[in-house]
Amino acid sequence: MKNIRPLLDNVIVKREEEQKTSAGGIVLPGSGSEKPNQGIVISVGPGALNKDGSVREVNVQKGQKVIFGKYADSNSITVDGEELLIISEKDIYAVVED
């Protein structure tokens, strides 16, 4: 995959596809009714500029699993056949910790 570096407090996220398991243990692909709102951070921008010109770093890191807003897919792009999302840090609600 090409290296993509987001600007300011933007984050590149690869959406995780939702898999459901039937009662018999068979893995079923997502139903397609709603896209999942979780993904893995691929790349992080340097941070937002404060009023005094200093940079406030982004609070997520590459490789973390995050939960983001329902409408974050409005900024989707396709790179090397993969759908990626470019979302602002403020649209990330939580980091999933194992």
N, C-alpha and C. Protein backbone atom coordinates (compact mmCIF):
# COMPACT_ATOMS: atom_id res chain seq x y z
N MET A 1 0.83 -1.17 0.00
CA MET A 1 0.00 0.00 0.00
C MET A 1 0.88 1.24 0.00
N LYS A 2 0.41 2.27 -0.68
CA LYS A 2 1.13 3.54 -0.71
C LYS A 2 1.14 4.17 0.67
N ASN A 3 2.17 4.93 0.94
CA ASN A 3 2.22 5.67 2.20
C ASN A 3 1.38 6.92 2.07
N ILE A 4 0.44 7.09 2.96
CA ILE A 4 -0.42 8.26 2.98
C ILE A 4 -0.21 8.94 4.32
N ARG A 5 0.10 10.23 4.27
CA ARG A 5 0.32 10.99 5.49
C ARG A 5 -0.76 12.05 5.61
N PRO A 6 -1.66 11.89 6.57
CA PRO A 6 -2.72 12.89 6.74
C PRO A 6 -2.16 14.19 7.32
N LEU A 7 -2.86 15.26 7.09
CA LEU A 7 -2.46 16.57 7.58
C LEU A 7 -3.22 16.91 8.86
N LEU A 8 -2.65 17.81 9.63
CA LEU A 8 -3.23 18.32 10.87
C LEU A 8 -3.68 17.19 11.80
N ASP A 9 -4.91 17.23 12.28
CA ASP A 9 -5.37 16.21 13.23
C ASP A 9 -6.22 15.13 12.55
N ASN A 10 -5.97 14.90 11.27
CA ASN A 10 -6.69 13.86 10.54
C ASN A 10 -6.02 12.50 10.75
N VAL A 11 -6.84 11.46 10.65
CA VAL A 11 -6.40 10.09 10.90
C VAL A 11 -6.91 9.22 9.75
N ILE A 12 -6.05 8.33 9.23
CA ILE A 12 -6.45 7.37 8.20
C ILE A 12 -6.83 6.08 8.92
N VAL A 13 -8.05 5.58 8.66
CA VAL A 13 -8.56 4.38 9.33
C VAL A 13 -9.02 3.39 8.28
N LYS A 14 -8.68 2.12 8.49
CA LYS A 14 -9.19 1.04 7.66
C LYS A 14 -10.34 0.40 8.43
N ARG A 15 -11.53 0.46 7.84
CA ARG A 15 -12.73 -0.05 8.51
C ARG A 15 -12.62 -1.57 8.67
N GLU A 16 -12.97 -2.06 9.86
CA GLU A 16 -13.02 -3.50 10.09
C GLU A 16 -14.36 -4.01 9.63
N GLU A 17 -14.34 -5.06 8.84
CA GLU A 17 -15.59 -5.64 8.38
C GLU A 17 -16.22 -6.46 9.49
N GLU A 18 -17.49 -6.27 9.67
CA GLU A 18 -18.21 -6.96 10.73
C GLU A 18 -18.52 -8.39 10.29
N GLN A 19 -18.21 -9.34 11.14
CA GLN A 19 -18.53 -10.74 10.87
C GLN A 19 -19.47 -11.23 11.95
N LYS A 20 -20.48 -11.94 11.52
CA LYS A 20 -21.42 -12.51 12.48
C LYS A 20 -21.30 -14.03 12.41
N THR A 21 -21.55 -14.67 13.53
CA THR A 21 -21.48 -16.12 13.60
C THR A 21 -22.87 -16.67 13.82
N SER A 22 -23.21 -17.68 13.03
CA SER A 22 -24.52 -18.31 13.19
C SER A 22 -24.51 -19.17 14.45
N ALA A 23 -25.68 -19.66 14.81
CA ALA A 23 -25.81 -20.51 16.00
C ALA A 23 -24.95 -21.77 15.86
N GLY A 24 -24.72 -22.23 14.63
CA GLY A 24 -23.92 -23.43 14.38
C GLY A 24 -22.43 -23.14 14.29
N GLY A 25 -22.03 -21.86 14.46
CA GLY A 25 -20.61 -21.52 14.44
C GLY A 25 -20.08 -21.14 13.08
N ILE A 26 -20.95 -20.99 12.09
CA ILE A 26 -20.52 -20.60 10.75
C ILE A 26 -20.38 -19.08 10.71
N VAL A 27 -19.24 -18.61 10.18
CA VAL A 27 -18.99 -17.18 10.09
C VAL A 27 -19.74 -16.64 8.87
N LEU A 28 -20.60 -15.64 9.12
CA LEU A 28 -21.39 -15.02 8.07
C LEU A 28 -20.84 -13.62 7.79
N PRO A 29 -20.76 -13.22 6.53
CA PRO A 29 -20.31 -11.85 6.23
C PRO A 29 -21.33 -10.85 6.75
N GLY A 30 -20.92 -9.59 6.88
CA GLY A 30 -21.82 -8.55 7.37
C GLY A 30 -23.09 -8.48 6.55
N SER A 31 -24.16 -8.15 7.21
CA SER A 31 -25.47 -8.14 6.55
C SER A 31 -25.60 -7.00 5.56
N GLY A 32 -24.75 -5.99 5.64
CA GLY A 32 -24.80 -4.88 4.72
C GLY A 32 -25.80 -3.81 5.12
N SER A 33 -26.54 -4.03 6.20
CA SER A 33 -27.53 -3.03 6.61
C SER A 33 -26.85 -1.76 7.11
N GLU A 34 -25.79 -1.90 7.86
CA GLU A 34 -25.02 -0.76 8.33
C GLU A 34 -23.54 -1.11 8.32
N LYS A 35 -22.73 -0.15 7.92
CA LYS A 35 -21.29 -0.38 7.94
C LYS A 35 -20.80 -0.29 9.37
N PRO A 36 -19.81 -1.11 9.72
CA PRO A 36 -19.28 -1.05 11.09
C PRO A 36 -18.62 0.29 11.37
N ASN A 37 -18.64 0.69 12.63
CA ASN A 37 -18.04 1.96 13.02
C ASN A 37 -16.75 1.74 13.81
N GLN A 38 -16.04 0.65 13.50
CA GLN A 38 -14.75 0.37 14.12
C GLN A 38 -13.71 0.16 13.03
N GLY A 39 -12.47 0.48 13.35
CA GLY A 39 -11.40 0.27 12.39
C GLY A 39 -10.04 0.37 13.04
N ILE A 40 -9.03 0.11 12.21
CA ILE A 40 -7.64 0.15 12.66
C ILE A 40 -6.98 1.41 12.10
N VAL A 41 -6.28 2.13 12.95
CA VAL A 41 -5.58 3.35 12.53
C VAL A 41 -4.39 2.97 11.66
N ILE A 42 -4.35 3.51 10.46
CA ILE A 42 -3.27 3.25 9.50
C ILE A 42 -2.20 4.32 9.58
N SER A 43 -2.62 5.58 9.74
CA SER A 43 -1.68 6.69 9.77
C SER A 43 -2.29 7.85 10.53
N VAL A 44 -1.44 8.67 11.15
CA VAL A 44 -1.89 9.78 11.99
C VAL A 44 -1.16 11.04 11.57
N GLY A 45 -1.90 12.15 11.49
CA GLY A 45 -1.29 13.44 11.19
C GLY A 45 -0.52 13.97 12.38
N PRO A 46 0.23 15.05 12.18
CA PRO A 46 1.06 15.60 13.26
C PRO A 46 0.27 16.24 14.39
N GLY A 47 -0.92 16.72 14.12
CA GLY A 47 -1.75 17.34 15.15
C GLY A 47 -2.31 18.67 14.71
N ALA A 48 -3.23 19.17 15.49
CA ALA A 48 -3.88 20.45 15.18
C ALA A 48 -3.04 21.61 15.70
N LEU A 49 -3.18 22.74 15.03
CA LEU A 49 -2.48 23.93 15.46
C LEU A 49 -3.30 24.66 16.51
N ASN A 50 -2.64 25.03 17.61
CA ASN A 50 -3.28 25.84 18.63
C ASN A 50 -3.23 27.31 18.20
N LYS A 51 -3.95 28.17 18.89
CA LYS A 51 -3.98 29.59 18.53
C LYS A 51 -2.61 30.25 18.63
N ASP A 52 -1.77 29.73 19.52
CA ASP A 52 -0.43 30.31 19.68
C ASP A 52 0.59 29.73 18.68
N GLY A 53 0.13 28.85 17.79
CA GLY A 53 1.03 28.29 16.77
C GLY A 53 1.66 26.97 17.16
N SER A 54 1.51 26.55 18.40
CA SER A 54 2.06 25.26 18.82
C SER A 54 1.16 24.13 18.29
N VAL A 55 1.70 22.92 18.28
CA VAL A 55 0.96 21.77 17.75
C VAL A 55 0.47 20.90 18.90
N ARG A 56 -0.82 20.57 18.88
CA ARG A 56 -1.41 19.65 19.85
C ARG A 56 -1.46 18.28 19.20
N GLU A 57 -0.71 17.34 19.74
CA GLU A 57 -0.59 16.01 19.15
C GLU A 57 -1.91 15.26 19.18
N VAL A 58 -2.06 14.34 18.24
CA VAL A 58 -3.24 13.49 18.14
C VAL A 58 -3.14 12.41 19.22
N ASN A 59 -4.28 12.02 19.81
CA ASN A 59 -4.30 11.08 20.93
C ASN A 59 -4.40 9.62 20.53
N VAL A 60 -4.39 9.31 19.25
CA VAL A 60 -4.41 7.91 18.81
C VAL A 60 -3.10 7.61 18.08
N GLN A 61 -2.78 6.32 18.03
CA GLN A 61 -1.53 5.89 17.39
C GLN A 61 -1.81 4.85 16.33
N LYS A 62 -0.89 4.72 15.41
CA LYS A 62 -0.97 3.73 14.35
C LYS A 62 -1.12 2.33 14.98
N GLY A 63 -2.05 1.54 14.43
CA GLY A 63 -2.27 0.18 14.90
C GLY A 63 -3.37 0.04 15.94
N GLN A 64 -3.84 1.14 16.51
CA GLN A 64 -4.90 1.05 17.51
C GLN A 64 -6.25 0.81 16.85
N LYS A 65 -7.12 0.09 17.55
CA LYS A 65 -8.49 -0.12 17.10
C LYS A 65 -9.34 0.98 17.70
N VAL A 66 -10.12 1.67 16.87
CA VAL A 66 -10.89 2.81 17.32
C VAL A 66 -12.36 2.67 16.93
N ILE A 67 -13.20 3.38 17.66
CA ILE A 67 -14.63 3.50 17.36
C ILE A 67 -14.85 4.93 16.90
N PHE A 68 -15.50 5.09 15.75
CA PHE A 68 -15.69 6.42 15.19
C PHE A 68 -17.15 6.68 14.89
N GLY A 69 -17.46 7.91 14.52
CA GLY A 69 -18.83 8.33 14.27
C GLY A 69 -19.48 7.64 13.08
N LYS A 70 -20.79 7.61 13.13
CA LYS A 70 -21.59 6.93 12.11
C LYS A 70 -21.40 7.51 10.71
N TYR A 71 -21.19 8.80 10.62
CA TYR A 71 -21.11 9.47 9.31
C TYR A 71 -19.67 9.74 8.88
N ALA A 72 -18.71 9.09 9.48
CA ALA A 72 -17.31 9.31 9.15
C ALA A 72 -16.96 8.82 7.75
N ASP A 73 -17.80 7.96 7.15
CA ASP A 73 -17.47 7.40 5.84
C ASP A 73 -17.68 8.40 4.71
N SER A 74 -18.09 9.62 5.01
CA SER A 74 -18.26 10.62 3.96
C SER A 74 -16.92 11.02 3.36
N ASN A 75 -15.83 10.72 4.05
CA ASN A 75 -14.49 11.03 3.57
C ASN A 75 -13.73 9.76 3.22
N SER A 76 -14.38 8.86 2.49
CA SER A 76 -13.71 7.60 2.16
C SER A 76 -12.96 7.74 0.84
N ILE A 77 -11.83 7.05 0.77
CA ILE A 77 -11.01 7.01 -0.44
C ILE A 77 -10.65 5.55 -0.71
N THR A 78 -10.25 5.27 -1.92
CA THR A 78 -9.78 3.93 -2.27
C THR A 78 -8.33 4.03 -2.69
N VAL A 79 -7.47 3.26 -2.02
CA VAL A 79 -6.04 3.24 -2.32
C VAL A 79 -5.64 1.79 -2.51
N ASP A 80 -5.08 1.48 -3.66
CA ASP A 80 -4.66 0.11 -3.98
C ASP A 80 -5.78 -0.89 -3.74
N GLY A 81 -7.02 -0.51 -4.08
CA GLY A 81 -8.16 -1.40 -3.95
C GLY A 81 -8.74 -1.52 -2.55
N GLU A 82 -8.21 -0.79 -1.59
CA GLU A 82 -8.71 -0.84 -0.22
C GLU A 82 -9.43 0.45 0.12
N GLU A 83 -10.60 0.33 0.77
CA GLU A 83 -11.33 1.51 1.19
C GLU A 83 -10.75 1.99 2.52
N LEU A 84 -10.37 3.27 2.55
CA LEU A 84 -9.84 3.89 3.75
C LEU A 84 -10.68 5.11 4.07
N LEU A 85 -10.71 5.48 5.33
CA LEU A 85 -11.43 6.66 5.78
C LEU A 85 -10.44 7.70 6.25
N ILE A 86 -10.68 8.95 5.89
CA ILE A 86 -9.91 10.06 6.43
C ILE A 86 -10.86 10.78 7.38
N ILE A 87 -10.58 10.67 8.68
CA ILE A 87 -11.47 11.28 9.66
C ILE A 87 -10.68 12.18 10.60
N SER A 88 -11.37 13.15 11.13
CA SER A 88 -10.76 14.06 12.09
C SER A 88 -10.69 13.36 13.44
N GLU A 89 -9.71 13.72 14.23
CA GLU A 89 -9.58 13.12 15.57
C GLU A 89 -10.86 13.32 16.39
N LYS A 90 -11.54 14.43 16.21
CA LYS A 90 -12.76 14.68 16.99
C LYS A 90 -13.89 13.72 16.65
N ASP A 91 -13.80 13.03 15.50
CA ASP A 91 -14.81 12.04 15.11
C ASP A 91 -14.50 10.65 15.66
N ILE A 92 -13.38 10.51 16.35
CA ILE A 92 -13.03 9.24 17.00
C ILE A 92 -13.52 9.32 18.44
N TYR A 93 -14.39 8.37 18.81
CA TYR A 93 -15.02 8.41 20.13
C TYR A 93 -14.24 7.64 21.18
N ALA A 94 -13.54 6.57 20.77
CA ALA A 94 -12.88 5.74 21.78
C ALA A 94 -11.80 4.86 21.13
N VAL A 95 -10.88 4.41 21.96
CA VAL A 95 -9.87 3.43 21.58
C VAL A 95 -10.26 2.12 22.25
N VAL A 96 -10.30 1.04 21.47
CA VAL A 96 -10.65 -0.27 22.01
C VAL A 96 -9.38 -0.91 22.54
N GLU A 97 -9.35 -1.21 23.82
CA GLU A 97 -8.20 -1.84 24.44
C GLU A 97 -8.54 -3.27 24.80
N ASP A 98 -7.65 -4.19 24.46
CA ASP A 98 -7.88 -5.61 24.76
C ASP A 98 -7.47 -5.95 26.15
